[in-house]
Amino acid sequence: MVTHSHGDHILGLPSYVLMAGSRGLRLNVIAPRQAIDDLMAIIKATHIQQYASSLNPMPVEVPSEPTLVARFKGTDIYVVGVNHTVEAMAVKVVDSSGSCITYSGDTAPSRQLVDLARGCGALIHEASGNPGFEEEAHRHGHSTVNDAVKAAVEAGVRLLVLTHFYTLNPVIKGTGGLSVVVPYECSTIEVT
């Protein structure tokens, strides 16, 4: 899944294409059409076109309502458009038991995201700004920690996982009884 084509979300993909191609594997990439186009340009710019056949691009016309876009071995993938500076989408993954998690991608506060996450066990939400920086974060198509908490509470999830923060660690105040995690890189989080 690629939620949009900004560099911090797409520039690592050529390495995966190279690894998949060198091992004879296929790499499914579900992304907005523009992100797929940008990925193909990056593959060309990094001179790994010979591995591009390992890529299975799955371009999505980003919908305004939650929409099923793929099914892999009993796992359903839903997406919906969110509020960012370029075309962007949030993603919900639902397993065969009906359990789900939702990932915000980059977004300012979004009713569509809340609706997508409703009923899931966890919401992975970007938190680019701390309390007091709402105007700046929203202007750049991002959310604050407080925005993420509000979205999680409104969606009724049990666990909020904060991501996409930069030089300042997230300041967390008033979680409304919600469990909040700020994960270490490559850590595993159990969602119950």
N, C-alpha and C. Protein backbone atom coordinates (compact mmCIF):
# COMPACT_ATOMS: atom_id res chain seq x y z
N MET A 1 0.84 -1.17 0.00
CA MET A 1 0.00 0.00 0.00
C MET A 1 0.88 1.24 0.00
N VAL A 2 0.56 2.14 -0.87
CA VAL A 2 1.18 3.46 -0.89
C VAL A 2 0.03 4.45 -0.85
N THR A 3 0.00 5.31 0.16
CA THR A 3 -1.15 6.20 0.33
C THR A 3 -1.10 7.43 -0.56
N HIS A 4 0.11 7.85 -0.94
CA HIS A 4 0.26 9.00 -1.83
C HIS A 4 1.71 9.07 -2.30
N SER A 5 2.02 10.04 -3.14
CA SER A 5 3.33 10.01 -3.79
C SER A 5 4.36 10.97 -3.22
N HIS A 6 4.20 11.46 -2.02
CA HIS A 6 5.28 12.24 -1.42
C HIS A 6 6.47 11.33 -1.12
N GLY A 7 7.66 11.90 -1.17
CA GLY A 7 8.89 11.13 -1.08
C GLY A 7 9.01 10.25 0.14
N ASP A 8 8.56 10.73 1.29
CA ASP A 8 8.70 9.92 2.50
C ASP A 8 7.80 8.69 2.49
N HIS A 9 6.93 8.59 1.50
CA HIS A 9 6.04 7.43 1.39
C HIS A 9 6.36 6.54 0.19
N ILE A 10 7.18 7.02 -0.73
CA ILE A 10 7.37 6.27 -1.97
C ILE A 10 8.83 5.97 -2.31
N LEU A 11 9.77 6.74 -1.78
CA LEU A 11 11.15 6.60 -2.24
C LEU A 11 11.83 5.30 -1.81
N GLY A 12 11.30 4.59 -0.84
CA GLY A 12 11.89 3.31 -0.46
C GLY A 12 11.48 2.16 -1.36
N LEU A 13 10.45 2.37 -2.17
CA LEU A 13 9.92 1.27 -2.99
C LEU A 13 10.89 0.72 -4.03
N PRO A 14 11.74 1.52 -4.66
CA PRO A 14 12.67 0.92 -5.62
C PRO A 14 13.52 -0.20 -5.02
N SER A 15 13.90 -0.08 -3.76
CA SER A 15 14.67 -1.15 -3.12
C SER A 15 13.85 -2.43 -3.03
N TYR A 16 12.57 -2.32 -2.73
CA TYR A 16 11.71 -3.50 -2.68
C TYR A 16 11.53 -4.11 -4.07
N VAL A 17 11.39 -3.25 -5.08
CA VAL A 17 11.28 -3.74 -6.46
C VAL A 17 12.54 -4.51 -6.83
N LEU A 18 13.70 -3.95 -6.50
CA LEU A 18 14.98 -4.61 -6.79
C LEU A 18 15.07 -5.96 -6.08
N MET A 19 14.73 -5.98 -4.79
CA MET A 19 14.81 -7.24 -4.03
C MET A 19 13.83 -8.28 -4.57
N ALA A 20 12.60 -7.86 -4.85
CA ALA A 20 11.60 -8.80 -5.38
C ALA A 20 12.06 -9.33 -6.74
N GLY A 21 12.52 -8.43 -7.58
CA GLY A 21 12.95 -8.84 -8.92
C GLY A 21 14.13 -9.78 -8.91
N SER A 22 15.07 -9.54 -8.02
CA SER A 22 16.26 -10.40 -7.97
C SER A 22 15.94 -11.78 -7.40
N ARG A 23 14.78 -11.91 -6.74
CA ARG A 23 14.37 -13.21 -6.18
C ARG A 23 13.25 -13.86 -6.97
N GLY A 24 12.85 -13.23 -8.07
CA GLY A 24 11.78 -13.79 -8.88
C GLY A 24 10.40 -13.68 -8.25
N LEU A 25 10.22 -12.71 -7.35
CA LEU A 25 8.94 -12.52 -6.66
C LEU A 25 8.14 -11.40 -7.32
N ARG A 26 6.84 -11.37 -7.03
CA ARG A 26 5.97 -10.28 -7.50
C ARG A 26 5.65 -9.38 -6.32
N LEU A 27 5.65 -8.10 -6.56
CA LEU A 27 5.36 -7.11 -5.53
C LEU A 27 4.08 -6.37 -5.92
N ASN A 28 2.99 -6.65 -5.19
CA ASN A 28 1.73 -5.94 -5.42
C ASN A 28 1.83 -4.57 -4.79
N VAL A 29 1.50 -3.53 -5.54
CA VAL A 29 1.50 -2.17 -5.01
C VAL A 29 0.16 -1.53 -5.34
N ILE A 30 -0.64 -1.33 -4.29
CA ILE A 30 -1.92 -0.64 -4.42
C ILE A 30 -1.65 0.81 -4.06
N ALA A 31 -2.01 1.73 -4.97
CA ALA A 31 -1.71 3.14 -4.75
C ALA A 31 -2.57 3.99 -5.67
N PRO A 32 -2.72 5.29 -5.33
CA PRO A 32 -3.37 6.19 -6.29
C PRO A 32 -2.62 6.15 -7.62
N ARG A 33 -3.34 6.36 -8.70
CA ARG A 33 -2.75 6.30 -10.04
C ARG A 33 -1.51 7.19 -10.14
N GLN A 34 -1.57 8.41 -9.60
CA GLN A 34 -0.41 9.31 -9.68
C GLN A 34 0.80 8.71 -8.98
N ALA A 35 0.59 8.06 -7.86
CA ALA A 35 1.71 7.44 -7.13
C ALA A 35 2.32 6.31 -7.95
N ILE A 36 1.49 5.53 -8.64
CA ILE A 36 2.02 4.47 -9.51
C ILE A 36 2.85 5.08 -10.63
N ASP A 37 2.34 6.15 -11.25
CA ASP A 37 3.09 6.82 -12.31
C ASP A 37 4.42 7.34 -11.78
N ASP A 38 4.40 7.94 -10.59
CA ASP A 38 5.63 8.46 -9.99
C ASP A 38 6.60 7.33 -9.66
N LEU A 39 6.09 6.21 -9.17
CA LEU A 39 6.94 5.06 -8.87
C LEU A 39 7.64 4.57 -10.13
N MET A 40 6.92 4.49 -11.22
CA MET A 40 7.54 4.03 -12.47
C MET A 40 8.64 5.00 -12.92
N ALA A 41 8.42 6.29 -12.72
CA ALA A 41 9.45 7.28 -13.06
C ALA A 41 10.68 7.13 -12.16
N ILE A 42 10.46 6.83 -10.88
CA ILE A 42 11.57 6.63 -9.94
C ILE A 42 12.35 5.37 -10.31
N ILE A 43 11.65 4.32 -10.70
CA ILE A 43 12.33 3.09 -11.13
C ILE A 43 13.24 3.40 -12.32
N LYS A 44 12.73 4.19 -13.25
CA LYS A 44 13.55 4.58 -14.41
C LYS A 44 14.74 5.44 -13.96
N ALA A 45 14.48 6.41 -13.08
CA ALA A 45 15.54 7.32 -12.63
C ALA A 45 16.63 6.60 -11.84
N THR A 46 16.28 5.49 -11.21
CA THR A 46 17.27 4.73 -10.42
C THR A 46 17.86 3.56 -11.20
N HIS A 47 17.54 3.50 -12.49
CA HIS A 47 18.15 2.54 -13.42
C HIS A 47 17.93 1.08 -13.03
N ILE A 48 16.70 0.78 -12.59
CA ILE A 48 16.39 -0.62 -12.27
C ILE A 48 15.19 -1.12 -13.08
N GLN A 49 15.05 -0.59 -14.31
CA GLN A 49 13.93 -0.99 -15.15
C GLN A 49 13.90 -2.50 -15.38
N GLN A 50 15.07 -3.15 -15.36
CA GLN A 50 15.10 -4.60 -15.61
C GLN A 50 14.35 -5.37 -14.53
N TYR A 51 14.07 -4.74 -13.38
CA TYR A 51 13.34 -5.40 -12.30
C TYR A 51 11.87 -4.98 -12.25
N ALA A 52 11.49 -4.05 -13.11
CA ALA A 52 10.12 -3.52 -13.07
C ALA A 52 9.07 -4.60 -13.33
N SER A 53 9.45 -5.68 -14.01
CA SER A 53 8.48 -6.74 -14.27
C SER A 53 8.06 -7.46 -12.98
N SER A 54 8.83 -7.27 -11.90
CA SER A 54 8.44 -7.87 -10.61
C SER A 54 7.31 -7.08 -9.95
N LEU A 55 7.07 -5.89 -10.45
CA LEU A 55 6.06 -5.01 -9.87
C LEU A 55 4.69 -5.32 -10.47
N ASN A 56 3.71 -5.49 -9.60
CA ASN A 56 2.32 -5.63 -10.04
C ASN A 56 1.58 -4.38 -9.58
N PRO A 57 1.61 -3.31 -10.40
CA PRO A 57 0.95 -2.08 -9.99
C PRO A 57 -0.56 -2.24 -10.01
N MET A 58 -1.21 -1.74 -8.96
CA MET A 58 -2.66 -1.82 -8.85
C MET A 58 -3.18 -0.40 -8.59
N PRO A 59 -3.27 0.41 -9.67
CA PRO A 59 -3.69 1.80 -9.48
C PRO A 59 -5.14 1.90 -9.03
N VAL A 60 -5.39 2.87 -8.15
CA VAL A 60 -6.71 3.08 -7.58
C VAL A 60 -7.17 4.50 -7.92
N GLU A 61 -8.39 4.60 -8.40
CA GLU A 61 -9.03 5.91 -8.49
C GLU A 61 -9.54 6.19 -7.08
N VAL A 62 -8.97 7.16 -6.40
CA VAL A 62 -9.24 7.37 -4.98
C VAL A 62 -10.71 7.77 -4.79
N PRO A 63 -11.46 6.95 -4.03
CA PRO A 63 -12.90 7.18 -3.87
C PRO A 63 -13.21 8.14 -2.72
N SER A 64 -14.41 8.73 -2.78
CA SER A 64 -14.84 9.62 -1.70
C SER A 64 -15.57 8.86 -0.59
N GLU A 65 -15.90 7.62 -0.84
CA GLU A 65 -16.53 6.74 0.15
C GLU A 65 -15.69 5.48 0.29
N PRO A 66 -15.67 4.84 1.47
CA PRO A 66 -14.90 3.60 1.63
C PRO A 66 -15.26 2.58 0.55
N THR A 67 -14.23 2.06 -0.11
CA THR A 67 -14.43 1.17 -1.25
C THR A 67 -13.46 -0.01 -1.18
N LEU A 68 -13.97 -1.22 -1.40
CA LEU A 68 -13.13 -2.41 -1.47
C LEU A 68 -12.33 -2.34 -2.77
N VAL A 69 -10.98 -2.42 -2.66
CA VAL A 69 -10.14 -2.33 -3.86
C VAL A 69 -9.35 -3.59 -4.13
N ALA A 70 -9.23 -4.48 -3.15
CA ALA A 70 -8.46 -5.71 -3.37
C ALA A 70 -8.83 -6.74 -2.31
N ARG A 71 -8.60 -8.00 -2.69
CA ARG A 71 -8.79 -9.12 -1.76
C ARG A 71 -7.63 -10.07 -1.97
N PHE A 72 -6.91 -10.37 -0.90
CA PHE A 72 -5.78 -11.29 -0.94
C PHE A 72 -5.98 -12.37 0.12
N LYS A 73 -6.22 -13.60 -0.29
CA LYS A 73 -6.31 -14.74 0.62
C LYS A 73 -7.19 -14.45 1.83
N GLY A 74 -8.38 -13.93 1.60
CA GLY A 74 -9.32 -13.68 2.69
C GLY A 74 -9.13 -12.36 3.41
N THR A 75 -8.19 -11.55 2.98
CA THR A 75 -7.97 -10.23 3.56
C THR A 75 -8.48 -9.18 2.58
N ASP A 76 -9.38 -8.32 3.06
CA ASP A 76 -9.96 -7.28 2.22
C ASP A 76 -9.27 -5.95 2.48
N ILE A 77 -9.04 -5.20 1.40
CA ILE A 77 -8.40 -3.89 1.47
C ILE A 77 -9.42 -2.85 1.01
N TYR A 78 -9.72 -1.90 1.91
CA TYR A 78 -10.62 -0.79 1.59
C TYR A 78 -9.81 0.50 1.62
N VAL A 79 -10.20 1.46 0.79
CA VAL A 79 -9.55 2.77 0.80
C VAL A 79 -10.60 3.86 0.70
N VAL A 80 -10.20 5.06 1.10
CA VAL A 80 -11.03 6.25 0.93
C VAL A 80 -10.10 7.46 0.84
N GLY A 81 -10.51 8.47 0.08
CA GLY A 81 -9.72 9.68 -0.03
C GLY A 81 -9.72 10.47 1.27
N VAL A 82 -8.59 11.11 1.57
CA VAL A 82 -8.44 11.94 2.76
C VAL A 82 -7.90 13.32 2.37
N ASN A 83 -7.73 14.19 3.36
CA ASN A 83 -7.41 15.60 3.14
C ASN A 83 -5.91 15.87 3.24
N HIS A 84 -5.21 15.80 2.12
CA HIS A 84 -3.78 16.09 2.09
C HIS A 84 -3.51 17.07 0.95
N THR A 85 -2.26 17.44 0.76
CA THR A 85 -1.92 18.43 -0.26
C THR A 85 -1.83 17.83 -1.66
N VAL A 86 -1.77 16.51 -1.75
CA VAL A 86 -1.84 15.79 -3.02
C VAL A 86 -2.89 14.70 -2.85
N GLU A 87 -3.28 14.07 -3.94
CA GLU A 87 -4.26 12.99 -3.84
C GLU A 87 -3.72 11.92 -2.88
N ALA A 88 -4.51 11.59 -1.88
CA ALA A 88 -4.06 10.66 -0.84
C ALA A 88 -5.24 9.83 -0.36
N MET A 89 -4.91 8.68 0.22
CA MET A 89 -5.97 7.80 0.70
C MET A 89 -5.59 7.17 2.03
N ALA A 90 -6.62 6.84 2.80
CA ALA A 90 -6.46 6.03 4.01
C ALA A 90 -6.81 4.60 3.62
N VAL A 91 -6.34 3.66 4.44
CA VAL A 91 -6.46 2.24 4.12
C VAL A 91 -7.01 1.47 5.32
N LYS A 92 -7.94 0.56 5.06
CA LYS A 92 -8.42 -0.36 6.10
C LYS A 92 -8.17 -1.78 5.62
N VAL A 93 -7.59 -2.60 6.51
CA VAL A 93 -7.32 -4.00 6.22
C VAL A 93 -8.22 -4.83 7.13
N VAL A 94 -9.03 -5.70 6.52
CA VAL A 94 -9.99 -6.53 7.26
C VAL A 94 -9.64 -8.00 7.01
N ASP A 95 -9.38 -8.75 8.10
CA ASP A 95 -9.05 -10.17 7.92
C ASP A 95 -10.32 -11.01 7.84
N SER A 96 -10.14 -12.30 7.62
CA SER A 96 -11.28 -13.19 7.40
C SER A 96 -12.21 -13.31 8.60
N SER A 97 -11.72 -12.96 9.80
CA SER A 97 -12.57 -13.00 10.99
C SER A 97 -13.37 -11.71 11.17
N GLY A 98 -13.07 -10.69 10.34
CA GLY A 98 -13.73 -9.40 10.47
C GLY A 98 -12.95 -8.39 11.28
N SER A 99 -11.83 -8.80 11.88
CA SER A 99 -10.97 -7.86 12.61
C SER A 99 -10.31 -6.92 11.63
N CYS A 100 -10.14 -5.66 12.05
CA CYS A 100 -9.55 -4.71 11.11
C CYS A 100 -8.67 -3.68 11.81
N ILE A 101 -7.77 -3.11 11.01
CA ILE A 101 -6.98 -1.95 11.41
C ILE A 101 -7.08 -0.94 10.28
N THR A 102 -6.93 0.32 10.62
CA THR A 102 -6.98 1.39 9.63
C THR A 102 -5.73 2.23 9.76
N TYR A 103 -5.21 2.66 8.61
CA TYR A 103 -4.03 3.53 8.55
C TYR A 103 -4.43 4.83 7.86
N SER A 104 -4.14 5.95 8.50
CA SER A 104 -4.58 7.25 8.00
C SER A 104 -3.83 7.72 6.77
N GLY A 105 -2.57 7.28 6.59
CA GLY A 105 -1.73 7.98 5.62
C GLY A 105 -1.55 9.41 6.11
N ASP A 106 -1.20 10.32 5.24
CA ASP A 106 -1.08 11.73 5.62
C ASP A 106 -2.42 12.41 5.39
N THR A 107 -2.91 13.11 6.41
CA THR A 107 -4.20 13.77 6.27
C THR A 107 -4.40 14.82 7.36
N ALA A 108 -5.07 15.89 6.99
CA ALA A 108 -5.66 16.78 7.98
C ALA A 108 -6.91 16.05 8.50
N PRO A 109 -7.56 16.56 9.55
CA PRO A 109 -8.74 15.87 10.05
C PRO A 109 -9.71 15.53 8.91
N SER A 110 -10.25 14.30 8.98
CA SER A 110 -11.03 13.77 7.87
C SER A 110 -12.19 12.92 8.37
N ARG A 111 -13.40 13.34 8.05
CA ARG A 111 -14.60 12.57 8.38
C ARG A 111 -14.56 11.20 7.69
N GLN A 112 -14.02 11.16 6.46
CA GLN A 112 -13.94 9.91 5.71
C GLN A 112 -13.06 8.90 6.45
N LEU A 113 -11.97 9.37 7.04
CA LEU A 113 -11.08 8.48 7.79
C LEU A 113 -11.80 7.91 9.01
N VAL A 114 -12.50 8.76 9.74
CA VAL A 114 -13.24 8.29 10.92
C VAL A 114 -14.24 7.21 10.52
N ASP A 115 -14.98 7.46 9.44
CA ASP A 115 -15.96 6.47 8.98
C ASP A 115 -15.28 5.16 8.58
N LEU A 116 -14.13 5.25 7.92
CA LEU A 116 -13.40 4.05 7.50
C LEU A 116 -12.94 3.24 8.70
N ALA A 117 -12.49 3.91 9.76
CA ALA A 117 -11.92 3.24 10.93
C ALA A 117 -12.97 2.70 11.90
N ARG A 118 -14.21 3.12 11.73
CA ARG A 118 -15.25 2.73 12.68
C ARG A 118 -15.31 1.21 12.85
N GLY A 119 -15.26 0.78 14.11
CA GLY A 119 -15.37 -0.64 14.41
C GLY A 119 -14.06 -1.42 14.36
N CYS A 120 -12.98 -0.78 13.98
CA CYS A 120 -11.68 -1.47 13.94
C CYS A 120 -11.06 -1.54 15.34
N GLY A 121 -10.14 -2.47 15.51
CA GLY A 121 -9.43 -2.59 16.78
C GLY A 121 -8.40 -1.50 16.96
N ALA A 122 -7.81 -1.04 15.85
CA ALA A 122 -6.73 -0.05 15.95
C ALA A 122 -6.79 0.93 14.80
N LEU A 123 -6.33 2.14 15.09
CA LEU A 123 -6.14 3.18 14.09
C LEU A 123 -4.69 3.62 14.16
N ILE A 124 -3.98 3.47 13.06
CA ILE A 124 -2.62 3.99 12.94
C ILE A 124 -2.77 5.36 12.30
N HIS A 125 -2.43 6.40 13.05
CA HIS A 125 -2.74 7.77 12.60
C HIS A 125 -1.50 8.64 12.66
N GLU A 126 -1.30 9.41 11.62
CA GLU A 126 -0.20 10.36 11.62
C GLU A 126 -0.42 11.44 12.67
N ALA A 127 0.67 11.94 13.23
CA ALA A 127 0.61 12.98 14.26
C ALA A 127 1.77 13.94 14.03
N SER A 128 1.67 14.68 12.93
CA SER A 128 2.78 15.57 12.54
C SER A 128 2.90 16.79 13.43
N GLY A 129 1.83 17.16 14.12
CA GLY A 129 1.88 18.36 14.95
C GLY A 129 1.46 18.08 16.38
N ASN A 130 2.00 18.87 17.28
CA ASN A 130 1.63 18.78 18.69
C ASN A 130 0.53 19.79 19.01
N PRO A 131 -0.08 19.69 20.19
CA PRO A 131 -1.09 20.67 20.58
C PRO A 131 -0.54 22.09 20.43
N GLY A 132 -1.36 22.97 19.87
CA GLY A 132 -0.95 24.35 19.63
C GLY A 132 -0.45 24.59 18.21
N PHE A 133 -0.24 23.54 17.44
CA PHE A 133 0.26 23.68 16.07
C PHE A 133 -0.79 23.23 15.04
N GLU A 134 -2.07 23.28 15.44
CA GLU A 134 -3.14 22.80 14.56
C GLU A 134 -3.17 23.56 13.24
N GLU A 135 -3.13 24.88 13.29
CA GLU A 135 -3.24 25.67 12.06
C GLU A 135 -2.15 25.32 11.06
N GLU A 136 -0.93 25.24 11.54
CA GLU A 136 0.19 24.90 10.65
C GLU A 136 0.05 23.48 10.10
N ALA A 137 -0.26 22.53 10.97
CA ALA A 137 -0.41 21.14 10.53
C ALA A 137 -1.51 21.02 9.47
N HIS A 138 -2.66 21.61 9.74
CA HIS A 138 -3.79 21.50 8.82
C HIS A 138 -3.49 22.18 7.48
N ARG A 139 -2.79 23.31 7.52
CA ARG A 139 -2.42 24.01 6.29
C ARG A 139 -1.58 23.13 5.37
N HIS A 140 -0.78 22.25 5.97
CA HIS A 140 0.09 21.36 5.20
C HIS A 140 -0.52 19.97 4.99
N GLY A 141 -1.83 19.84 5.29
CA GLY A 141 -2.51 18.56 5.05
C GLY A 141 -2.16 17.49 6.06
N HIS A 142 -1.88 17.91 7.30
CA HIS A 142 -1.50 16.97 8.35
C HIS A 142 -2.39 17.13 9.57
N SER A 143 -2.22 16.21 10.52
CA SER A 143 -2.98 16.21 11.76
C SER A 143 -2.04 16.40 12.95
N THR A 144 -2.64 16.77 14.06
CA THR A 144 -1.91 16.85 15.32
C THR A 144 -2.22 15.61 16.16
N VAL A 145 -1.51 15.48 17.26
CA VAL A 145 -1.80 14.39 18.20
C VAL A 145 -3.26 14.47 18.64
N ASN A 146 -3.73 15.68 18.98
CA ASN A 146 -5.12 15.83 19.43
C ASN A 146 -6.11 15.43 18.34
N ASP A 147 -5.80 15.77 17.08
CA ASP A 147 -6.67 15.36 15.97
C ASP A 147 -6.75 13.84 15.89
N ALA A 148 -5.62 13.18 16.06
CA ALA A 148 -5.57 11.71 15.99
C ALA A 148 -6.38 11.09 17.12
N VAL A 149 -6.23 11.62 18.33
CA VAL A 149 -7.00 11.11 19.47
C VAL A 149 -8.49 11.29 19.21
N LYS A 150 -8.87 12.47 18.74
CA LYS A 150 -10.29 12.74 18.46
C LYS A 150 -10.83 11.76 17.41
N ALA A 151 -10.09 11.53 16.34
CA ALA A 151 -10.53 10.61 15.30
C ALA A 151 -10.70 9.20 15.86
N ALA A 152 -9.75 8.76 16.67
CA ALA A 152 -9.80 7.41 17.24
C ALA A 152 -11.00 7.25 18.17
N VAL A 153 -11.25 8.25 19.01
CA VAL A 153 -12.39 8.20 19.92
C VAL A 153 -13.69 8.18 19.13
N GLU A 154 -13.81 9.05 18.12
CA GLU A 154 -15.02 9.09 17.30
C GLU A 154 -15.25 7.78 16.55
N ALA A 155 -14.18 7.15 16.10
CA ALA A 155 -14.30 5.88 15.36
C ALA A 155 -14.57 4.70 16.28
N GLY A 156 -14.32 4.89 17.59
CA GLY A 156 -14.57 3.81 18.54
C GLY A 156 -13.51 2.72 18.55
N VAL A 157 -12.30 3.04 18.10
CA VAL A 157 -11.23 2.04 18.14
C VAL A 157 -10.71 1.91 19.57
N ARG A 158 -10.05 0.81 19.87
CA ARG A 158 -9.51 0.59 21.21
C ARG A 158 -8.06 1.04 21.34
N LEU A 159 -7.35 1.09 20.22
CA LEU A 159 -5.93 1.40 20.25
C LEU A 159 -5.60 2.42 19.17
N LEU A 160 -4.86 3.45 19.56
CA LEU A 160 -4.35 4.46 18.63
C LEU A 160 -2.84 4.33 18.58
N VAL A 161 -2.30 4.19 17.38
CA VAL A 161 -0.86 4.10 17.18
C VAL A 161 -0.44 5.36 16.44
N LEU A 162 0.39 6.18 17.08
CA LEU A 162 0.81 7.45 16.47
C LEU A 162 2.05 7.25 15.62
N THR A 163 2.05 7.84 14.44
CA THR A 163 3.19 7.76 13.52
C THR A 163 3.41 9.12 12.87
N HIS A 164 4.46 9.21 12.06
CA HIS A 164 4.71 10.35 11.18
C HIS A 164 4.97 11.64 11.96
N PHE A 165 5.70 11.54 13.05
CA PHE A 165 6.11 12.74 13.76
C PHE A 165 7.57 12.97 13.45
N TYR A 166 7.99 14.21 13.52
CA TYR A 166 9.33 14.56 13.05
C TYR A 166 10.27 14.86 14.20
N THR A 167 10.68 16.09 14.32
CA THR A 167 11.72 16.43 15.29
C THR A 167 11.21 16.51 16.72
N LEU A 168 9.92 16.69 16.90
CA LEU A 168 9.37 16.77 18.25
C LEU A 168 8.61 15.49 18.58
N ASN A 169 8.88 14.93 19.75
CA ASN A 169 8.11 13.77 20.20
C ASN A 169 6.67 14.18 20.45
N PRO A 170 5.73 13.29 20.20
CA PRO A 170 4.33 13.63 20.42
C PRO A 170 4.04 13.96 21.88
N VAL A 171 3.24 15.00 22.08
CA VAL A 171 2.75 15.38 23.40
C VAL A 171 1.31 14.89 23.47
N ILE A 172 1.04 13.97 24.39
CA ILE A 172 -0.26 13.32 24.46
C ILE A 172 -0.99 13.80 25.71
N LYS A 173 -2.15 14.43 25.50
CA LYS A 173 -2.98 14.91 26.61
C LYS A 173 -4.41 14.46 26.37
N GLY A 174 -5.08 14.01 27.41
CA GLY A 174 -6.51 13.69 27.33
C GLY A 174 -6.86 12.71 26.23
N THR A 175 -6.68 11.43 26.50
CA THR A 175 -6.93 10.42 25.47
C THR A 175 -8.34 9.85 25.51
N GLY A 176 -9.18 10.35 26.38
CA GLY A 176 -10.55 9.86 26.42
C GLY A 176 -10.65 8.38 26.73
N GLY A 177 -9.73 7.85 27.55
CA GLY A 177 -9.74 6.44 27.91
C GLY A 177 -9.17 5.52 26.84
N LEU A 178 -8.63 6.09 25.81
CA LEU A 178 -8.07 5.35 24.69
C LEU A 178 -6.65 4.90 25.00
N SER A 179 -6.29 3.69 24.59
CA SER A 179 -4.89 3.26 24.69
C SER A 179 -4.13 3.87 23.53
N VAL A 180 -2.99 4.51 23.83
CA VAL A 180 -2.19 5.19 22.81
C VAL A 180 -0.78 4.63 22.85
N VAL A 181 -0.24 4.30 21.68
CA VAL A 181 1.12 3.77 21.57
C VAL A 181 1.91 4.65 20.61
N VAL A 182 3.13 4.96 21.01
CA VAL A 182 4.09 5.60 20.12
C VAL A 182 5.18 4.55 19.88
N PRO A 183 5.13 3.85 18.75
CA PRO A 183 5.99 2.68 18.57
C PRO A 183 7.43 3.03 18.23
N TYR A 184 8.33 2.13 18.62
CA TYR A 184 9.69 2.16 18.12
C TYR A 184 9.67 1.63 16.69
N GLU A 185 10.66 2.03 15.89
CA GLU A 185 10.76 1.49 14.54
C GLU A 185 10.88 -0.03 14.59
N CYS A 186 10.18 -0.69 13.70
CA CYS A 186 10.21 -2.15 13.53
C CYS A 186 9.64 -2.92 14.73
N SER A 187 8.91 -2.25 15.60
CA SER A 187 8.33 -2.96 16.74
C SER A 187 7.03 -3.65 16.31
N THR A 188 6.60 -4.59 17.11
CA THR A 188 5.36 -5.33 16.87
C THR A 188 4.35 -4.91 17.92
N ILE A 189 3.12 -4.67 17.48
CA ILE A 189 2.06 -4.25 18.39
C ILE A 189 0.91 -5.25 18.27
N GLU A 190 0.49 -5.80 19.39
CA GLU A 190 -0.63 -6.73 19.37
C GLU A 190 -1.93 -5.96 19.49
N VAL A 191 -2.84 -6.23 18.57
CA VAL A 191 -4.16 -5.59 18.58
C VAL A 191 -5.16 -6.65 19.00
N THR A 192 -5.87 -6.38 20.11
CA THR A 192 -6.85 -7.36 20.60
C THR A 192 -8.26 -6.88 20.38
